[in-house]
């Protein structure tokens, strides 16, 4: 890892991600939180390493109290926007293995299991975040096998993207 970068493994899911992000913010007081991880493609053009520009919750479904994606009785926004443009990611505590018309209606490009929680912890702390996702599967019936075969494939691309970002910040 480059100097000044602390690697934190959050584990899978929104709860683990939120706790790890909170603990990292408390311990390291970073100027930027970077979430690198894998994602499934919902949009057919999503592949490779992608930057996330906005993130929503895909598994918050408390209808009729609130529309899907909105947490009832909370000040939590339905969408959290990054400081730079990119794809739309929908976060939820499940592995997506079938088409979901709601995701398409929201303009979702990719799905993951952690970023919304990390982005919300950062939003609450006033710390910018950068989501960088490597596409491993097509969020379909073969997603589990595809993920297992490809989950390590984006590391080199991510480290190159991180080095470029750090170089821009330091220049």
C-alpha atoms as a PDB file:
ATOM      1  CA  UNK A   1       0.000   0.000   0.000  1.00  0.00           C
ATOM      2  CA  UNK A   2       1.175   3.541  -0.658  1.00  0.00           C
ATOM      3  CA  UNK A   3       2.379   5.654   2.277  1.00  0.00           C
ATOM      4  CA  UNK A   4      -0.462   7.180   4.266  1.00  0.00           C
ATOM      5  CA  UNK A   5      -2.976   4.591   3.070  1.00  0.00           C
ATOM      6  CA  UNK A   6      -4.500   2.262   5.655  1.00  0.00           C
ATOM      7  CA  UNK A   7      -6.068  -0.967   4.428  1.00  0.00           C
ATOM      8  CA  UNK A   8      -9.209  -2.043   6.283  1.00  0.00           C
ATOM      9  CA  UNK A   9     -11.105  -5.244   5.489  1.00  0.00           C
ATOM     10  CA  UNK A  10     -14.737  -4.623   6.380  1.00  0.00           C
ATOM     11  CA  UNK A  11     -16.178  -8.032   5.739  1.00  0.00           C
ATOM     12  CA  UNK A  12     -19.374  -8.637   3.793  1.00  0.00           C
ATOM     13  CA  UNK A  13     -22.586  -6.650   4.185  1.00  0.00           C
ATOM     14  CA  UNK A  14     -23.838  -3.250   5.250  1.00  0.00           C
ATOM     15  CA  UNK A  15     -23.498  -3.722   9.005  1.00  0.00           C
ATOM     16  CA  UNK A  16     -19.877  -4.893   8.814  1.00  0.00           C
ATOM     17  CA  UNK A  17     -19.084  -2.099   6.358  1.00  0.00           C
ATOM     18  CA  UNK A  18     -20.659   0.627   8.501  1.00  0.00           C
ATOM     19  CA  UNK A  19     -18.854  -0.532  11.632  1.00  0.00           C
ATOM     20  CA  UNK A  20     -15.493  -0.791   9.856  1.00  0.00           C
ATOM     21  CA  UNK A  21     -15.921   2.640   8.263  1.00  0.00           C
ATOM     22  CA  UNK A  22     -16.850   4.229  11.581  1.00  0.00           C
ATOM     23  CA  UNK A  23     -13.919   2.611  13.388  1.00  0.00           C
ATOM     24  CA  UNK A  24     -11.509   3.656  10.600  1.00  0.00           C
ATOM     25  CA  UNK A  25     -12.739   7.262  10.738  1.00  0.00           C
ATOM     26  CA  UNK A  26     -12.297   7.344  14.508  1.00  0.00           C
ATOM     27  CA  UNK A  27      -8.850   5.746  14.447  1.00  0.00           C
ATOM     28  CA  UNK A  28      -7.204   7.326  11.394  1.00  0.00           C
ATOM     29  CA  UNK A  29      -9.119  10.589  10.783  1.00  0.00           C
ATOM     30  CA  UNK A  30      -8.678  10.269   6.985  1.00  0.00           C
ATOM     31  CA  UNK A  31      -9.257  13.030   4.430  1.00  0.00           C
ATOM     32  CA  UNK A  32     -10.779  10.461   2.044  1.00  0.00           C
ATOM     33  CA  UNK A  33     -12.311   7.007   2.441  1.00  0.00           C
ATOM     34  CA  UNK A  34     -11.836   4.636  -0.477  1.00  0.00           C
ATOM     35  CA  UNK A  35     -14.052   1.613  -0.923  1.00  0.00           C
ATOM     36  CA  UNK A  36     -12.653  -0.937  -3.332  1.00  0.00           C
ATOM     37  CA  UNK A  37     -14.618  -4.095  -3.881  1.00  0.00           C
ATOM     38  CA  UNK A  38     -16.439  -6.295  -6.309  1.00  0.00           C
ATOM     39  CA  UNK A  39     -19.830  -5.707  -7.876  1.00  0.00           C
ATOM     40  CA  UNK A  40     -22.317  -7.341 -10.184  1.00  0.00           C
ATOM     41  CA  UNK A  41     -23.328  -5.642 -13.424  1.00  0.00           C
ATOM     42  CA  UNK A  42     -26.993  -4.779 -13.868  1.00  0.00           C
ATOM     43  CA  UNK A  43     -26.380  -2.573 -16.904  1.00  0.00           C
ATOM     44  CA  UNK A  44     -24.968  -4.560 -19.854  1.00  0.00           C
ATOM     45  CA  UNK A  45     -22.278  -1.938 -20.484  1.00  0.00           C
ATOM     46  CA  UNK A  46     -20.816  -2.189 -16.983  1.00  0.00           C
ATOM     47  CA  UNK A  47     -17.491  -4.028 -16.965  1.00  0.00           C
ATOM     48  CA  UNK A  48     -13.944  -3.657 -15.683  1.00  0.00           C
ATOM     49  CA  UNK A  49     -13.067  -1.179 -12.936  1.00  0.00           C
ATOM     50  CA  UNK A  50     -15.672   1.546 -12.391  1.00  0.00           C
ATOM     51  CA  UNK A  51     -15.968   4.662 -10.242  1.00  0.00           C
ATOM     52  CA  UNK A  52     -19.259   5.072  -8.402  1.00  0.00           C
ATOM     53  CA  UNK A  53     -20.934   8.478  -8.627  1.00  0.00           C
ATOM     54  CA  UNK A  54     -24.027   7.723  -6.569  1.00  0.00           C
ATOM     55  CA  UNK A  55     -25.244   4.913  -4.355  1.00  0.00           C
ATOM     56  CA  UNK A  56     -28.696   3.802  -3.184  1.00  0.00           C
ATOM     57  CA  UNK A  57     -30.103   1.036  -0.991  1.00  0.00           C
ATOM     58  CA  UNK A  58     -31.729  -1.793  -2.899  1.00  0.00           C
ATOM     59  CA  UNK A  59     -32.946  -3.885   0.002  1.00  0.00           C
ATOM     60  CA  UNK A  60     -34.665  -1.281   2.189  1.00  0.00           C
ATOM     61  CA  UNK A  61     -38.287  -2.187   1.504  1.00  0.00           C
ATOM     62  CA  UNK A  62     -40.623  -0.915   4.217  1.00  0.00           C
ATOM     63  CA  UNK A  63     -43.628  -0.229   1.996  1.00  0.00           C
ATOM     64  CA  UNK A  64     -46.178   1.169   2.759  1.00  0.00           C
ATOM     65  CA  UNK A  65     -44.253   3.260   5.313  1.00  0.00           C
ATOM     66  CA  UNK A  66     -41.826   4.529   2.679  1.00  0.00           C
ATOM     67  CA  UNK A  67     -40.993   3.752  -0.942  1.00  0.00           C
ATOM     68  CA  UNK A  68     -38.450   1.018  -1.629  1.00  0.00           C
ATOM     69  CA  UNK A  69     -34.932   2.328  -1.041  1.00  0.00           C
ATOM     70  CA  UNK A  70     -36.034   4.853   1.603  1.00  0.00           C
ATOM     71  CA  UNK A  71     -35.562   4.219   5.328  1.00  0.00           C
ATOM     72  CA  UNK A  72     -38.768   5.266   7.122  1.00  0.00           C
ATOM     73  CA  UNK A  73     -38.593   7.706  10.038  1.00  0.00           C
ATOM     74  CA  UNK A  74     -34.921   8.517   9.327  1.00  0.00           C
ATOM     75  CA  UNK A  75     -33.054  11.503   7.953  1.00  0.00           C
ATOM     76  CA  UNK A  76     -31.003   9.139   5.830  1.00  0.00           C
ATOM     77  CA  UNK A  77     -31.111  10.227   2.179  1.00  0.00           C
ATOM     78  CA  UNK A  78     -32.396   7.824  -0.458  1.00  0.00           C
ATOM     79  CA  UNK A  79     -29.255   8.478  -2.518  1.00  0.00           C
ATOM     80  CA  UNK A  80     -25.728   9.510  -1.581  1.00  0.00           C
ATOM     81  CA  UNK A  81     -23.736  11.302  -4.261  1.00  0.00           C
ATOM     82  CA  UNK A  82     -19.938  11.141  -4.532  1.00  0.00           C
ATOM     83  CA  UNK A  83     -17.705  14.128  -5.233  1.00  0.00           C
ATOM     84  CA  UNK A  84     -17.029  12.900  -8.770  1.00  0.00           C
ATOM     85  CA  UNK A  85     -19.217  11.387 -11.487  1.00  0.00           C
ATOM     86  CA  UNK A  86     -19.574   7.687 -12.079  1.00  0.00           C
ATOM     87  CA  UNK A  87     -22.003   4.809 -12.239  1.00  0.00           C
ATOM     88  CA  UNK A  88     -24.968   4.199  -9.947  1.00  0.00           C
ATOM     89  CA  UNK A  89     -24.493   1.403  -7.399  1.00  0.00           C
ATOM     90  CA  UNK A  90     -27.304  -0.222  -5.422  1.00  0.00           C
ATOM     91  CA  UNK A  91     -26.259  -1.766  -2.111  1.00  0.00           C
ATOM     92  CA  UNK A  92     -28.026  -4.573  -0.299  1.00  0.00           C
ATOM     93  CA  UNK A  93     -27.404  -7.528   1.969  1.00  0.00           C
ATOM     94  CA  UNK A  94     -28.022 -10.151  -0.682  1.00  0.00           C
ATOM     95  CA  UNK A  95     -26.208 -11.546  -3.693  1.00  0.00           C
ATOM     96  CA  UNK A  96     -28.179 -10.498  -6.788  1.00  0.00           C
ATOM     97  CA  UNK A  97     -28.911 -13.526  -8.975  1.00  0.00           C
ATOM     98  CA  UNK A  98     -31.827 -12.344 -11.129  1.00  0.00           C
ATOM     99  CA  UNK A  99     -33.087  -9.294 -12.981  1.00  0.00           C
ATOM    100  CA  UNK A 100     -34.936  -6.740 -10.852  1.00  0.00           C
ATOM    101  CA  UNK A 101     -37.071  -4.203 -12.750  1.00  0.00           C
ATOM    102  CA  UNK A 102     -36.847  -1.769  -9.793  1.00  0.00           C
ATOM    103  CA  UNK A 103     -33.062  -1.554 -10.224  1.00  0.00           C
ATOM    104  CA  UNK A 104     -33.468  -0.715 -13.897  1.00  0.00           C
ATOM    105  CA  UNK A 105     -36.113   1.924 -13.097  1.00  0.00           C
ATOM    106  CA  UNK A 106     -33.656   3.600 -10.680  1.00  0.00           C
ATOM    107  CA  UNK A 107     -30.912   3.759 -13.316  1.00  0.00           C
ATOM    108  CA  UNK A 108     -28.712   1.304 -11.427  1.00  0.00           C
ATOM    109  CA  UNK A 109     -25.587   0.123 -13.224  1.00  0.00           C
ATOM    110  CA  UNK A 110     -24.053  -2.184 -10.605  1.00  0.00           C
ATOM    111  CA  UNK A 111     -24.878  -3.886  -7.299  1.00  0.00           C
ATOM    112  CA  UNK A 112     -22.760  -4.508  -4.219  1.00  0.00           C
ATOM    113  CA  UNK A 113     -23.167  -5.278  -0.534  1.00  0.00           C
ATOM    114  CA  UNK A 114     -21.261  -2.499   1.321  1.00  0.00           C
ATOM    115  CA  UNK A 115     -20.934   0.919  -0.335  1.00  0.00           C
ATOM    116  CA  UNK A 116     -24.162   2.620   0.788  1.00  0.00           C
ATOM    117  CA  UNK A 117     -23.275   1.983   4.426  1.00  0.00           C
ATOM    118  CA  UNK A 118     -19.730   3.289   3.984  1.00  0.00           C
ATOM    119  CA  UNK A 119     -20.931   6.353   2.065  1.00  0.00           C
ATOM    120  CA  UNK A 120     -23.472   7.147   4.781  1.00  0.00           C
ATOM    121  CA  UNK A 121     -20.908   6.911   7.570  1.00  0.00           C
ATOM    122  CA  UNK A 122     -18.678   9.260   5.548  1.00  0.00           C
ATOM    123  CA  UNK A 123     -21.603  11.629   4.851  1.00  0.00           C
ATOM    124  CA  UNK A 124     -22.406  11.858   8.540  1.00  0.00           C
ATOM    125  CA  UNK A 125     -18.733  12.541   9.384  1.00  0.00           C
ATOM    126  CA  UNK A 126     -18.255  15.045   6.558  1.00  0.00           C
ATOM    127  CA  UNK A 127     -15.518  12.960   4.933  1.00  0.00           C
ATOM    128  CA  UNK A 128     -15.478  12.455   1.147  1.00  0.00           C
ATOM    129  CA  UNK A 129     -15.582   8.932  -0.241  1.00  0.00           C
ATOM    130  CA  UNK A 130     -14.517   7.256  -3.454  1.00  0.00           C
ATOM    131  CA  UNK A 131     -16.171   4.003  -4.500  1.00  0.00           C
ATOM    132  CA  UNK A 132     -14.222   1.906  -6.971  1.00  0.00           C
ATOM    133  CA  UNK A 133     -15.786  -1.400  -8.032  1.00  0.00           C
ATOM    134  CA  UNK A 134     -14.490  -4.272 -10.133  1.00  0.00           C
ATOM    135  CA  UNK A 135     -17.222  -6.073 -12.063  1.00  0.00           C
ATOM    136  CA  UNK A 136     -17.099  -9.825 -11.460  1.00  0.00           C
ATOM    137  CA  UNK A 137     -20.471 -11.005 -12.697  1.00  0.00           C
ATOM    138  CA  UNK A 138     -23.717 -10.085 -14.439  1.00  0.00           C
ATOM    139  CA  UNK A 139     -25.986 -10.317 -11.375  1.00  0.00           C
ATOM    140  CA  UNK A 140     -27.688 -13.378 -12.818  1.00  0.00           C
ATOM    141  CA  UNK A 141     -28.068 -17.093 -12.070  1.00  0.00           C
ATOM    142  CA  UNK A 142     -24.320 -17.724 -12.582  1.00  0.00           C
ATOM    143  CA  UNK A 143     -23.243 -14.760 -10.429  1.00  0.00           C
ATOM    144  CA  UNK A 144     -21.889 -16.844  -7.544  1.00  0.00           C
ATOM    145  CA  UNK A 145     -19.654 -18.981  -9.734  1.00  0.00           C
ATOM    146  CA  UNK A 146     -18.586 -15.985 -11.833  1.00  0.00           C
ATOM    147  CA  UNK A 147     -17.734 -13.970  -8.708  1.00  0.00           C
ATOM    148  CA  UNK A 148     -15.640 -16.821  -7.287  1.00  0.00           C
ATOM    149  CA  UNK A 149     -13.705 -17.111 -10.547  1.00  0.00           C
ATOM    150  CA  UNK A 150     -13.077 -13.357 -10.958  1.00  0.00           C
ATOM    151  CA  UNK A 151     -13.044 -11.762  -7.494  1.00  0.00           C
ATOM    152  CA  UNK A 152      -9.291 -11.153  -7.496  1.00  0.00           C
ATOM    153  CA  UNK A 153      -9.102  -9.853 -11.048  1.00  0.00           C
ATOM    154  CA  UNK A 154      -9.314  -6.112 -10.376  1.00  0.00           C
ATOM    155  CA  UNK A 155      -6.580  -5.637  -7.787  1.00  0.00           C
ATOM    156  CA  UNK A 156      -3.882  -4.502 -10.214  1.00  0.00           C
ATOM    157  CA  UNK A 157      -6.246  -2.077 -11.991  1.00  0.00           C
ATOM    158  CA  UNK A 158      -7.399  -0.655  -8.664  1.00  0.00           C
ATOM    159  CA  UNK A 159      -3.863  -0.122  -7.362  1.00  0.00           C
ATOM    160  CA  UNK A 160      -3.008   1.731 -10.591  1.00  0.00           C
ATOM    161  CA  UNK A 161      -6.135   3.907 -10.264  1.00  0.00           C
ATOM    162  CA  UNK A 162      -5.308   4.606  -6.611  1.00  0.00           C
ATOM    163  CA  UNK A 163      -1.714   5.573  -7.468  1.00  0.00           C
ATOM    164  CA  UNK A 164      -2.991   8.006 -10.134  1.00  0.00           C
ATOM    165  CA  UNK A 165      -5.473   9.539  -7.723  1.00  0.00           C
ATOM    166  CA  UNK A 166      -2.811   9.982  -5.031  1.00  0.00           C
ATOM    167  CA  UNK A 167      -0.398  11.497  -7.549  1.00  0.00           C
ATOM    168  CA  UNK A 168      -3.055  14.035  -8.629  1.00  0.00           C
ATOM    169  CA  UNK A 169      -3.767  14.898  -5.002  1.00  0.00           C
ATOM    170  CA  UNK A 170      -0.084  15.408  -4.215  1.00  0.00           C
ATOM    171  CA  UNK A 171       0.713  17.540  -7.263  1.00  0.00           C
END
